[in-house]
Amino acid sequence: MRIDLFLKVTGLLKTRSIASKAIGAGAVELNGSRAKASSAVETGSVISLIKPDGSRTTIKVLVVPAGKNVSRKDRSSLYSVINEEAPCW
């Protein structure tokens, strides 16, 4: 699954468009290197994301969903949070 779609499906970012813009701005890393929107996410991948509010979240992918839609209650089971940092301002 593409990383922009994964970020949208998990609810980490609200839309795929916002995810693509964040990736283009360099706010998303996949396994320690800058991600492209088409980068493939696999089970065990580590994603580091700077959210629009300035906070940084690092997650580990537990499950890559088969479809483009996941219920809200099941979203949190797709990843585990490794680290969360508040904005530094």
N, C-alpha and C. Protein backbone atom coordinates (compact mmCIF):
# COMPACT_ATOMS: atom_id res chain seq x y z
N MET A 1 0.84 -1.17 0.00
CA MET A 1 0.00 0.00 0.00
C MET A 1 0.89 1.24 0.00
N ARG A 2 0.48 2.24 -0.75
CA ARG A 2 1.21 3.50 -0.80
C ARG A 2 1.15 4.21 0.54
N ILE A 3 2.20 4.95 0.86
CA ILE A 3 2.27 5.61 2.17
C ILE A 3 1.22 6.72 2.30
N ASP A 4 0.92 7.44 1.23
CA ASP A 4 -0.10 8.49 1.33
C ASP A 4 -1.47 7.89 1.64
N LEU A 5 -1.78 6.77 1.05
CA LEU A 5 -3.04 6.09 1.32
C LEU A 5 -3.06 5.50 2.73
N PHE A 6 -1.94 4.96 3.18
CA PHE A 6 -1.86 4.39 4.53
C PHE A 6 -2.10 5.47 5.59
N LEU A 7 -1.52 6.64 5.41
CA LEU A 7 -1.70 7.73 6.37
C LEU A 7 -3.17 8.17 6.44
N LYS A 8 -3.85 8.15 5.30
CA LYS A 8 -5.26 8.50 5.26
C LYS A 8 -6.11 7.40 5.90
N VAL A 9 -5.86 6.15 5.55
CA VAL A 9 -6.66 5.02 6.06
C VAL A 9 -6.55 4.91 7.57
N THR A 10 -5.36 5.14 8.12
CA THR A 10 -5.17 5.02 9.56
C THR A 10 -5.70 6.23 10.33
N GLY A 11 -6.00 7.32 9.62
CA GLY A 11 -6.51 8.51 10.28
C GLY A 11 -5.42 9.39 10.85
N LEU A 12 -4.16 9.08 10.58
CA LEU A 12 -3.07 9.94 11.05
C LEU A 12 -3.14 11.30 10.38
N LEU A 13 -3.53 11.33 9.12
CA LEU A 13 -3.81 12.58 8.41
C LEU A 13 -5.20 12.45 7.81
N LYS A 14 -5.92 13.54 7.74
CA LYS A 14 -7.34 13.49 7.42
C LYS A 14 -7.65 13.04 5.99
N THR A 15 -6.90 13.53 5.02
CA THR A 15 -7.17 13.17 3.63
C THR A 15 -5.88 12.74 2.93
N ARG A 16 -6.05 12.08 1.81
CA ARG A 16 -4.89 11.67 1.02
C ARG A 16 -4.18 12.88 0.43
N SER A 17 -4.93 13.92 0.12
CA SER A 17 -4.35 15.14 -0.40
C SER A 17 -3.42 15.79 0.63
N ILE A 18 -3.87 15.85 1.88
CA ILE A 18 -3.04 16.40 2.95
C ILE A 18 -1.80 15.54 3.15
N ALA A 19 -1.98 14.22 3.07
CA ALA A 19 -0.85 13.30 3.21
C ALA A 19 0.17 13.54 2.09
N SER A 20 -0.29 13.70 0.86
CA SER A 20 0.61 13.94 -0.26
C SER A 20 1.38 15.26 -0.10
N LYS A 21 0.69 16.28 0.40
CA LYS A 21 1.35 17.57 0.62
C LYS A 21 2.40 17.46 1.73
N ALA A 22 2.08 16.74 2.80
CA ALA A 22 3.05 16.55 3.89
C ALA A 22 4.27 15.79 3.40
N ILE A 23 4.05 14.78 2.58
CA ILE A 23 5.16 14.00 2.03
C ILE A 23 6.02 14.88 1.12
N GLY A 24 5.37 15.66 0.28
CA GLY A 24 6.09 16.56 -0.61
C GLY A 24 6.90 17.62 0.13
N ALA A 25 6.42 18.03 1.31
CA ALA A 25 7.11 19.03 2.12
C ALA A 25 8.24 18.43 2.95
N GLY A 26 8.39 17.10 2.91
CA GLY A 26 9.46 16.45 3.67
C GLY A 26 9.11 16.16 5.11
N ALA A 27 7.83 16.16 5.45
CA ALA A 27 7.41 15.94 6.83
C ALA A 27 7.20 14.46 7.16
N VAL A 28 7.46 13.58 6.20
CA VAL A 28 7.24 12.15 6.43
C VAL A 28 8.50 11.37 6.07
N GLU A 29 8.92 10.51 6.98
CA GLU A 29 10.05 9.61 6.73
C GLU A 29 9.57 8.17 6.83
N LEU A 30 10.09 7.32 5.97
CA LEU A 30 9.78 5.91 5.98
C LEU A 30 11.09 5.15 6.17
N ASN A 31 11.18 4.43 7.27
CA ASN A 31 12.38 3.65 7.61
C ASN A 31 13.65 4.51 7.59
N GLY A 32 13.54 5.73 8.10
CA GLY A 32 14.71 6.59 8.26
C GLY A 32 15.08 7.45 7.07
N SER A 33 14.38 7.32 5.95
CA SER A 33 14.69 8.17 4.81
C SER A 33 13.41 8.86 4.32
N ARG A 34 13.59 9.97 3.66
CA ARG A 34 12.47 10.78 3.20
C ARG A 34 11.57 9.96 2.27
N ALA A 35 10.28 10.01 2.52
CA ALA A 35 9.32 9.22 1.76
C ALA A 35 8.86 9.95 0.51
N LYS A 36 8.42 9.18 -0.47
CA LYS A 36 7.72 9.69 -1.63
C LYS A 36 6.29 9.18 -1.50
N ALA A 37 5.34 9.85 -2.14
CA ALA A 37 3.93 9.46 -2.03
C ALA A 37 3.70 8.03 -2.48
N SER A 38 4.51 7.55 -3.40
CA SER A 38 4.33 6.20 -3.93
C SER A 38 5.13 5.15 -3.16
N SER A 39 5.85 5.54 -2.11
CA SER A 39 6.63 4.58 -1.33
C SER A 39 5.71 3.52 -0.74
N ALA A 40 6.16 2.27 -0.80
CA ALA A 40 5.36 1.16 -0.31
C ALA A 40 5.54 0.96 1.19
N VAL A 41 4.42 0.80 1.89
CA VAL A 41 4.43 0.52 3.33
C VAL A 41 4.24 -0.98 3.50
N GLU A 42 5.07 -1.58 4.34
CA GLU A 42 4.97 -3.00 4.61
C GLU A 42 4.89 -3.21 6.11
N THR A 43 4.46 -4.39 6.53
CA THR A 43 4.43 -4.72 7.94
C THR A 43 5.83 -4.59 8.51
N GLY A 44 5.96 -3.89 9.63
CA GLY A 44 7.26 -3.66 10.25
C GLY A 44 7.91 -2.35 9.87
N SER A 45 7.35 -1.63 8.91
CA SER A 45 7.91 -0.34 8.52
C SER A 45 7.76 0.67 9.65
N VAL A 46 8.71 1.61 9.73
CA VAL A 46 8.67 2.67 10.74
C VAL A 46 8.43 3.98 10.00
N ILE A 47 7.39 4.69 10.43
CA ILE A 47 7.02 5.96 9.80
C ILE A 47 7.15 7.08 10.83
N SER A 48 7.85 8.14 10.46
CA SER A 48 7.98 9.32 11.30
C SER A 48 7.27 10.45 10.59
N LEU A 49 6.38 11.12 11.32
CA LEU A 49 5.50 12.11 10.72
C LEU A 49 5.47 13.38 11.57
N ILE A 50 5.68 14.54 10.91
CA ILE A 50 5.50 15.82 11.57
C ILE A 50 4.11 16.30 11.18
N LYS A 51 3.21 16.38 12.15
CA LYS A 51 1.83 16.75 11.89
C LYS A 51 1.70 18.26 11.71
N PRO A 52 0.56 18.72 11.14
CA PRO A 52 0.38 20.16 10.92
C PRO A 52 0.48 21.02 12.17
N ASP A 53 0.21 20.44 13.34
CA ASP A 53 0.32 21.22 14.59
C ASP A 53 1.75 21.30 15.11
N GLY A 54 2.70 20.66 14.42
CA GLY A 54 4.10 20.72 14.79
C GLY A 54 4.58 19.55 15.63
N SER A 55 3.68 18.68 16.06
CA SER A 55 4.09 17.52 16.85
C SER A 55 4.67 16.44 15.93
N ARG A 56 5.56 15.64 16.49
CA ARG A 56 6.19 14.56 15.73
C ARG A 56 5.73 13.23 16.33
N THR A 57 5.29 12.34 15.46
CA THR A 57 4.84 11.01 15.86
C THR A 57 5.62 9.97 15.07
N THR A 58 6.12 8.95 15.76
CA THR A 58 6.79 7.84 15.12
C THR A 58 5.99 6.58 15.40
N ILE A 59 5.65 5.85 14.33
CA ILE A 59 4.84 4.65 14.48
C ILE A 59 5.50 3.45 13.81
N LYS A 60 5.10 2.26 14.23
CA LYS A 60 5.52 1.02 13.58
C LYS A 60 4.27 0.38 13.00
N VAL A 61 4.33 -0.01 11.74
CA VAL A 61 3.20 -0.61 11.06
C VAL A 61 3.05 -2.05 11.51
N LEU A 62 1.88 -2.39 12.05
CA LEU A 62 1.60 -3.76 12.49
C LEU A 62 0.88 -4.56 11.41
N VAL A 63 -0.07 -3.90 10.73
CA VAL A 63 -0.86 -4.56 9.69
C VAL A 63 -1.09 -3.58 8.55
N VAL A 64 -0.92 -4.05 7.34
CA VAL A 64 -1.25 -3.24 6.18
C VAL A 64 -2.64 -3.70 5.72
N PRO A 65 -3.64 -2.80 5.74
CA PRO A 65 -5.00 -3.20 5.38
C PRO A 65 -5.11 -3.60 3.91
N ALA A 66 -6.03 -4.52 3.63
CA ALA A 66 -6.22 -4.99 2.26
C ALA A 66 -6.98 -3.98 1.41
N GLY A 67 -7.91 -3.25 2.04
CA GLY A 67 -8.73 -2.30 1.29
C GLY A 67 -8.40 -0.86 1.59
N LYS A 68 -9.18 0.03 0.97
CA LYS A 68 -8.96 1.46 1.15
C LYS A 68 -9.76 2.04 2.30
N ASN A 69 -10.62 1.24 2.91
CA ASN A 69 -11.45 1.72 4.01
C ASN A 69 -11.31 0.81 5.22
N VAL A 70 -11.13 1.42 6.38
CA VAL A 70 -11.03 0.70 7.65
C VAL A 70 -11.93 1.44 8.64
N SER A 71 -12.68 0.70 9.44
CA SER A 71 -13.56 1.36 10.41
C SER A 71 -12.74 2.13 11.43
N ARG A 72 -13.33 3.16 11.99
CA ARG A 72 -12.62 4.01 12.95
C ARG A 72 -12.13 3.22 14.16
N LYS A 73 -12.91 2.26 14.62
CA LYS A 73 -12.51 1.51 15.81
C LYS A 73 -11.34 0.56 15.53
N ASP A 74 -11.14 0.18 14.28
CA ASP A 74 -10.06 -0.74 13.92
C ASP A 74 -8.78 -0.04 13.49
N ARG A 75 -8.82 1.27 13.28
CA ARG A 75 -7.65 2.01 12.79
C ARG A 75 -6.44 1.89 13.70
N SER A 76 -6.66 1.99 14.99
CA SER A 76 -5.52 1.97 15.92
C SER A 76 -4.83 0.62 16.01
N SER A 77 -5.47 -0.43 15.52
CA SER A 77 -4.84 -1.75 15.54
C SER A 77 -3.88 -1.95 14.37
N LEU A 78 -3.83 -1.00 13.45
CA LEU A 78 -2.95 -1.11 12.28
C LEU A 78 -1.51 -0.70 12.59
N TYR A 79 -1.31 0.06 13.67
CA TYR A 79 0.02 0.56 14.01
C TYR A 79 0.18 0.69 15.51
N SER A 80 1.43 0.79 15.94
CA SER A 80 1.70 1.10 17.35
C SER A 80 2.57 2.34 17.39
N VAL A 81 2.31 3.19 18.36
CA VAL A 81 3.06 4.44 18.50
C VAL A 81 4.36 4.14 19.24
N ILE A 82 5.47 4.49 18.62
CA ILE A 82 6.78 4.31 19.23
C ILE A 82 7.15 5.53 20.06
N ASN A 83 6.89 6.72 19.49
CA ASN A 83 7.30 7.96 20.15
C ASN A 83 6.38 9.08 19.71
N GLU A 84 6.03 9.96 20.65
CA GLU A 84 5.28 11.17 20.34
C GLU A 84 5.97 12.34 21.01
N GLU A 85 6.20 13.39 20.25
CA GLU A 85 6.84 14.61 20.77
C GLU A 85 5.92 15.78 20.53
N ALA A 86 5.75 16.61 21.53
CA ALA A 86 4.93 17.82 21.41
C ALA A 86 5.66 18.85 20.57
N PRO A 87 4.95 19.85 20.05
CA PRO A 87 5.62 20.91 19.29
C PRO A 87 6.67 21.61 20.14
N CYS A 88 7.72 22.07 19.52
CA CYS A 88 8.84 22.65 20.26
C CYS A 88 8.78 24.17 20.35
N TRP A 89 7.62 24.76 20.16
CA TRP A 89 7.52 26.20 20.30
C TRP A 89 6.87 26.59 21.54
